[in-house]
Amino acid sequence: MKARRFVRSLLLAGLGITSLLVAGCKTDDELSARPWNTPKTWENGLPASMTEGK
C-alpha cells in the first residue's frame, strides 16, 4: 500500500512539474519597447569609441 501511494505521489509530482515546464511564460500583450527587426548594438560595424574624435 505504501509503495502504491509513493508511486502515485511521484507520478503526480512529475505531472505537475512537466505541466509547469510546458506552460511557458507567454503573455498576451504583444507590445514591446523595440521591434524585433531593428539592428542590435553589435551589428552596426565598428564600435563608436573607435571613430570618436576623428
PDB file of N, CA and C in Angstrom:
ATOM      1  N   MET A   1       0.811  -1.191   0.000  1.00  0.00           N
ATOM      2  CA  MET A   1       0.000   0.000   0.000  1.00  0.00           C
ATOM      3  C   MET A   1       0.856   1.256   0.000  1.00  0.00           C
ATOM      4  N   LYS A   2       1.897   1.272   0.833  1.00  0.00           N
ATOM      5  CA  LYS A   2       2.751   2.455   0.896  1.00  0.00           C
ATOM      6  C   LYS A   2       3.505   2.658  -0.409  1.00  0.00           C
ATOM      7  N   ALA A   3       3.863   1.556  -1.063  1.00  0.00           N
ATOM      8  CA  ALA A   3       4.587   1.665  -2.331  1.00  0.00           C
ATOM      9  C   ALA A   3       3.692   2.275  -3.403  1.00  0.00           C
ATOM     10  N   ARG A   4       2.436   1.888  -3.429  1.00  0.00           N
ATOM     11  CA  ARG A   4       1.495   2.452  -4.395  1.00  0.00           C
ATOM     12  C   ARG A   4       1.289   3.937  -4.169  1.00  0.00           C
ATOM     13  N   ARG A   5       1.164   4.312  -2.920  1.00  0.00           N
ATOM     14  CA  ARG A   5       0.968   5.714  -2.576  1.00  0.00           C
ATOM     15  C   ARG A   5       2.206   6.533  -2.968  1.00  0.00           C
ATOM     16  N   PHE A   6       3.386   5.949  -2.746  1.00  0.00           N
ATOM     17  CA  PHE A   6       4.638   6.631  -3.111  1.00  0.00           C
ATOM     18  C   PHE A   6       4.745   6.807  -4.623  1.00  0.00           C
ATOM     19  N   VAL A   7       4.427   5.763  -5.378  1.00  0.00           N
ATOM     20  CA  VAL A   7       4.483   5.842  -6.840  1.00  0.00           C
ATOM     21  C   VAL A   7       3.465   6.851  -7.345  1.00  0.00           C
ATOM     22  N   ARG A   8       2.277   6.868  -6.771  1.00  0.00           N
ATOM     23  CA  ARG A   8       1.247   7.814  -7.180  1.00  0.00           C
ATOM     24  C   ARG A   8       1.688   9.251  -6.897  1.00  0.00           C
ATOM     25  N   SER A   9       2.306   9.477  -5.751  1.00  0.00           N
ATOM     26  CA  SER A   9       2.766  10.834  -5.441  1.00  0.00           C
ATOM     27  C   SER A   9       3.912  11.246  -6.354  1.00  0.00           C
ATOM     28  N   LEU A  10       4.775  10.321  -6.718  1.00  0.00           N
ATOM     29  CA  LEU A  10       5.844  10.634  -7.662  1.00  0.00           C
ATOM     30  C   LEU A  10       5.279  10.974  -9.039  1.00  0.00           C
ATOM     31  N   LEU A  11       4.292  10.223  -9.485  1.00  0.00           N
ATOM     32  CA  LEU A  11       3.672  10.498 -10.775  1.00  0.00           C
ATOM     33  C   LEU A  11       2.961  11.851 -10.775  1.00  0.00           C
ATOM     34  N   LEU A  12       2.274  12.174  -9.703  1.00  0.00           N
ATOM     35  CA  LEU A  12       1.598  13.463  -9.615  1.00  0.00           C
ATOM     36  C   LEU A  12       2.600  14.616  -9.573  1.00  0.00           C
ATOM     37  N   ALA A  13       3.694  14.439  -8.852  1.00  0.00           N
ATOM     38  CA  ALA A  13       4.720  15.476  -8.798  1.00  0.00           C
ATOM     39  C   ALA A  13       5.362  15.655 -10.173  1.00  0.00           C
ATOM     40  N   GLY A  14       5.635  14.559 -10.854  1.00  0.00           N
ATOM     41  CA  GLY A  14       6.207  14.636 -12.202  1.00  0.00           C
ATOM     42  C   GLY A  14       5.257  15.296 -13.181  1.00  0.00           C
ATOM     43  N   LEU A  15       3.992  14.981 -13.074  1.00  0.00           N
ATOM     44  CA  LEU A  15       2.991  15.604 -13.940  1.00  0.00           C
ATOM     45  C   LEU A  15       2.890  17.105 -13.670  1.00  0.00           C
ATOM     46  N   GLY A  16       2.937  17.479 -12.416  1.00  0.00           N
ATOM     47  CA  GLY A  16       2.881  18.902 -12.069  1.00  0.00           C
ATOM     48  C   GLY A  16       4.084  19.670 -12.589  1.00  0.00           C
ATOM     49  N   ILE A  17       5.268  19.114 -12.407  1.00  0.00           N
ATOM     50  CA  ILE A  17       6.486  19.771 -12.888  1.00  0.00           C
ATOM     51  C   ILE A  17       6.481  19.855 -14.410  1.00  0.00           C
ATOM     52  N   THR A  18       6.064  18.784 -15.073  1.00  0.00           N
ATOM     53  CA  THR A  18       6.012  18.786 -16.536  1.00  0.00           C
ATOM     54  C   THR A  18       5.021  19.824 -17.046  1.00  0.00           C
ATOM     55  N   SER A  19       3.876  19.938 -16.405  1.00  0.00           N
ATOM     56  CA  SER A  19       2.891  20.925 -16.859  1.00  0.00           C
ATOM     57  C   SER A  19       3.399  22.349 -16.660  1.00  0.00           C
ATOM     58  N   LEU A  20       4.153  22.597 -15.599  1.00  0.00           N
ATOM     59  CA  LEU A  20       4.731  23.929 -15.404  1.00  0.00           C
ATOM     60  C   LEU A  20       5.783  24.241 -16.465  1.00  0.00           C
ATOM     61  N   LEU A  21       6.579  23.257 -16.838  1.00  0.00           N
ATOM     62  CA  LEU A  21       7.617  23.479 -17.841  1.00  0.00           C
ATOM     63  C   LEU A  21       7.026  23.670 -19.232  1.00  0.00           C
ATOM     64  N   VAL A  22       5.959  22.967 -19.535  1.00  0.00           N
ATOM     65  CA  VAL A  22       5.351  23.054 -20.855  1.00  0.00           C
ATOM     66  C   VAL A  22       4.551  24.341 -21.009  1.00  0.00           C
ATOM     67  N   ALA A  23       3.997  24.842 -19.922  1.00  0.00           N
ATOM     68  CA  ALA A  23       3.125  26.016 -19.979  1.00  0.00           C
ATOM     69  C   ALA A  23       3.868  27.256 -20.471  1.00  0.00           C
ATOM     70  N   GLY A  24       5.101  27.452 -20.064  1.00  0.00           N
ATOM     71  CA  GLY A  24       5.884  28.594 -20.518  1.00  0.00           C
ATOM     72  C   GLY A  24       5.486  29.889 -19.851  1.00  0.00           C
ATOM     73  N   CYS A  25       5.971  30.992 -20.407  1.00  0.00           N
ATOM     74  CA  CYS A  25       5.767  32.304 -19.804  1.00  0.00           C
ATOM     75  C   CYS A  25       5.214  33.314 -20.794  1.00  0.00           C
ATOM     76  N   LYS A  26       4.475  32.894 -21.789  1.00  0.00           N
ATOM     77  CA  LYS A  26       3.965  33.819 -22.795  1.00  0.00           C
ATOM     78  C   LYS A  26       2.903  34.725 -22.200  1.00  0.00           C
ATOM     79  N   THR A  27       2.993  35.998 -22.541  1.00  0.00           N
ATOM     80  CA  THR A  27       1.980  36.944 -22.096  1.00  0.00           C
ATOM     81  C   THR A  27       1.093  37.320 -23.273  1.00  0.00           C
ATOM     82  N   ASP A  28      -0.039  37.910 -22.978  1.00  0.00           N
ATOM     83  CA  ASP A  28      -0.978  38.275 -24.032  1.00  0.00           C
ATOM     84  C   ASP A  28      -0.614  39.580 -24.716  1.00  0.00           C
ATOM     85  N   ASP A  29       0.091  40.461 -24.036  1.00  0.00           N
ATOM     86  CA  ASP A  29       0.381  41.746 -24.671  1.00  0.00           C
ATOM     87  C   ASP A  29       1.527  41.587 -25.661  1.00  0.00           C
ATOM     88  N   GLU A  30       1.306  42.016 -26.867  1.00  0.00           N
ATOM     89  CA  GLU A  30       2.269  41.868 -27.957  1.00  0.00           C
ATOM     90  C   GLU A  30       3.095  43.130 -28.165  1.00  0.00           C
ATOM     91  N   LEU A  31       2.994  44.089 -27.266  1.00  0.00           N
ATOM     92  CA  LEU A  31       3.753  45.323 -27.395  1.00  0.00           C
ATOM     93  C   LEU A  31       5.145  45.133 -26.818  1.00  0.00           C
ATOM     94  N   SER A  32       6.129  45.616 -27.519  1.00  0.00           N
ATOM     95  CA  SER A  32       7.478  45.575 -26.990  1.00  0.00           C
ATOM     96  C   SER A  32       8.109  46.944 -27.163  1.00  0.00           C
ATOM     97  N   ALA A  33       9.107  47.227 -26.384  1.00  0.00           N
ATOM     98  CA  ALA A  33       9.755  48.529 -26.443  1.00  0.00           C
ATOM     99  C   ALA A  33      10.555  48.693 -27.729  1.00  0.00           C
ATOM    100  N   ARG A  34      10.943  47.579 -28.338  1.00  0.00           N
ATOM    101  CA  ARG A  34      11.802  47.630 -29.508  1.00  0.00           C
ATOM    102  C   ARG A  34      11.380  46.547 -30.497  1.00  0.00           C
ATOM    103  N   PRO A  35      11.168  46.889 -31.756  1.00  0.00           N
ATOM    104  CA  PRO A  35      10.783  45.857 -32.732  1.00  0.00           C
ATOM    105  C   PRO A  35      11.889  44.823 -32.926  1.00  0.00           C
ATOM    106  N   TRP A  36      11.496  43.631 -33.328  1.00  0.00           N
ATOM    107  CA  TRP A  36      12.458  42.540 -33.491  1.00  0.00           C
ATOM    108  C   TRP A  36      13.438  42.777 -34.638  1.00  0.00           C
ATOM    109  N   ASN A  37      13.052  43.540 -35.650  1.00  0.00           N
ATOM    110  CA  ASN A  37      13.916  43.665 -36.823  1.00  0.00           C
ATOM    111  C   ASN A  37      14.872  44.852 -36.749  1.00  0.00           C
ATOM    112  N   THR A  38      14.950  45.566 -35.640  1.00  0.00           N
ATOM    113  CA  THR A  38      15.920  46.652 -35.528  1.00  0.00           C
ATOM    114  C   THR A  38      17.309  46.061 -35.285  1.00  0.00           C
ATOM    115  N   PRO A  39      18.345  46.707 -35.826  1.00  0.00           N
ATOM    116  CA  PRO A  39      19.696  46.175 -35.615  1.00  0.00           C
ATOM    117  C   PRO A  39      20.108  46.264 -34.149  1.00  0.00           C
ATOM    118  N   LYS A  40      20.836  45.287 -33.722  1.00  0.00           N
ATOM    119  CA  LYS A  40      21.363  45.274 -32.359  1.00  0.00           C
ATOM    120  C   LYS A  40      22.611  46.144 -32.302  1.00  0.00           C
ATOM    121  N   THR A  41      23.090  46.426 -31.114  1.00  0.00           N
ATOM    122  CA  THR A  41      24.236  47.325 -30.960  1.00  0.00           C
ATOM    123  C   THR A  41      25.505  46.740 -31.585  1.00  0.00           C
ATOM    124  N   TRP A  42      25.643  45.426 -31.591  1.00  0.00           N
ATOM    125  CA  TRP A  42      26.859  44.829 -32.138  1.00  0.00           C
ATOM    126  C   TRP A  42      26.776  44.621 -33.649  1.00  0.00           C
ATOM    127  N   GLU A  43      25.663  44.941 -34.277  1.00  0.00           N
ATOM    128  CA  GLU A  43      25.504  44.734 -35.709  1.00  0.00           C
ATOM    129  C   GLU A  43      25.746  46.002 -36.535  1.00  0.00           C
ATOM    130  N   ASN A  44      26.277  47.045 -35.957  1.00  0.00           N
ATOM    131  CA  ASN A  44      26.427  48.316 -36.654  1.00  0.00           C
ATOM    132  C   ASN A  44      27.849  48.570 -37.161  1.00  0.00           C
ATOM    133  N   GLY A  45      28.686  47.599 -37.202  1.00  0.00           N
ATOM    134  CA  GLY A  45      30.038  47.802 -37.702  1.00  0.00           C
ATOM    135  C   GLY A  45      31.019  48.086 -36.583  1.00  0.00           C
ATOM    136  N   LEU A  46      31.797  49.131 -36.740  1.00  0.00           N
ATOM    137  CA  LEU A  46      32.828  49.464 -35.755  1.00  0.00           C
ATOM    138  C   LEU A  46      32.205  50.023 -34.483  1.00  0.00           C
ATOM    139  N   PRO A  47      32.846  49.769 -33.362  1.00  0.00           N
ATOM    140  CA  PRO A  47      32.361  50.369 -32.110  1.00  0.00           C
ATOM    141  C   PRO A  47      32.453  51.892 -32.168  1.00  0.00           C
ATOM    142  N   ALA A  48      31.577  52.575 -31.489  1.00  0.00           N
ATOM    143  CA  ALA A  48      31.529  54.037 -31.525  1.00  0.00           C
ATOM    144  C   ALA A  48      32.805  54.668 -30.975  1.00  0.00           C
ATOM    145  N   SER A  49      33.443  54.016 -30.028  1.00  0.00           N
ATOM    146  CA  SER A  49      34.638  54.597 -29.419  1.00  0.00           C
ATOM    147  C   SER A  49      35.818  54.642 -30.387  1.00  0.00           C
ATOM    148  N   MET A  50      35.814  53.816 -31.427  1.00  0.00           N
ATOM    149  CA  MET A  50      36.921  53.810 -32.378  1.00  0.00           C
ATOM    150  C   MET A  50      36.863  55.010 -33.334  1.00  0.00           C
ATOM    151  N   THR A  51      35.652  55.519 -33.578  1.00  0.00           N
ATOM    152  CA  THR A  51      35.512  56.609 -34.539  1.00  0.00           C
ATOM    153  C   THR A  51      35.328  57.960 -33.879  1.00  0.00           C
ATOM    154  N   GLU A  52      35.343  58.043 -32.575  1.00  0.00           N
ATOM    155  CA  GLU A  52      35.180  59.320 -31.879  1.00  0.00           C
ATOM    156  C   GLU A  52      36.425  60.169 -32.040  1.00  0.00           C
ATOM    157  N   GLY A  53      36.248  61.450 -32.293  1.00  0.00           N
ATOM    158  CA  GLY A  53      37.364  62.382 -32.376  1.00  0.00           C
ATOM    159  C   GLY A  53      38.123  62.324 -33.681  1.00  0.00           C
ATOM    160  N   LYS A  54      37.646  61.655 -34.663  1.00  0.00           N
ATOM    161  CA  LYS A  54      38.349  61.577 -35.954  1.00  0.00           C
ATOM    162  C   LYS A  54      37.587  62.282 -37.018  1.00  0.00           C
TER     163      LYS A  54
END
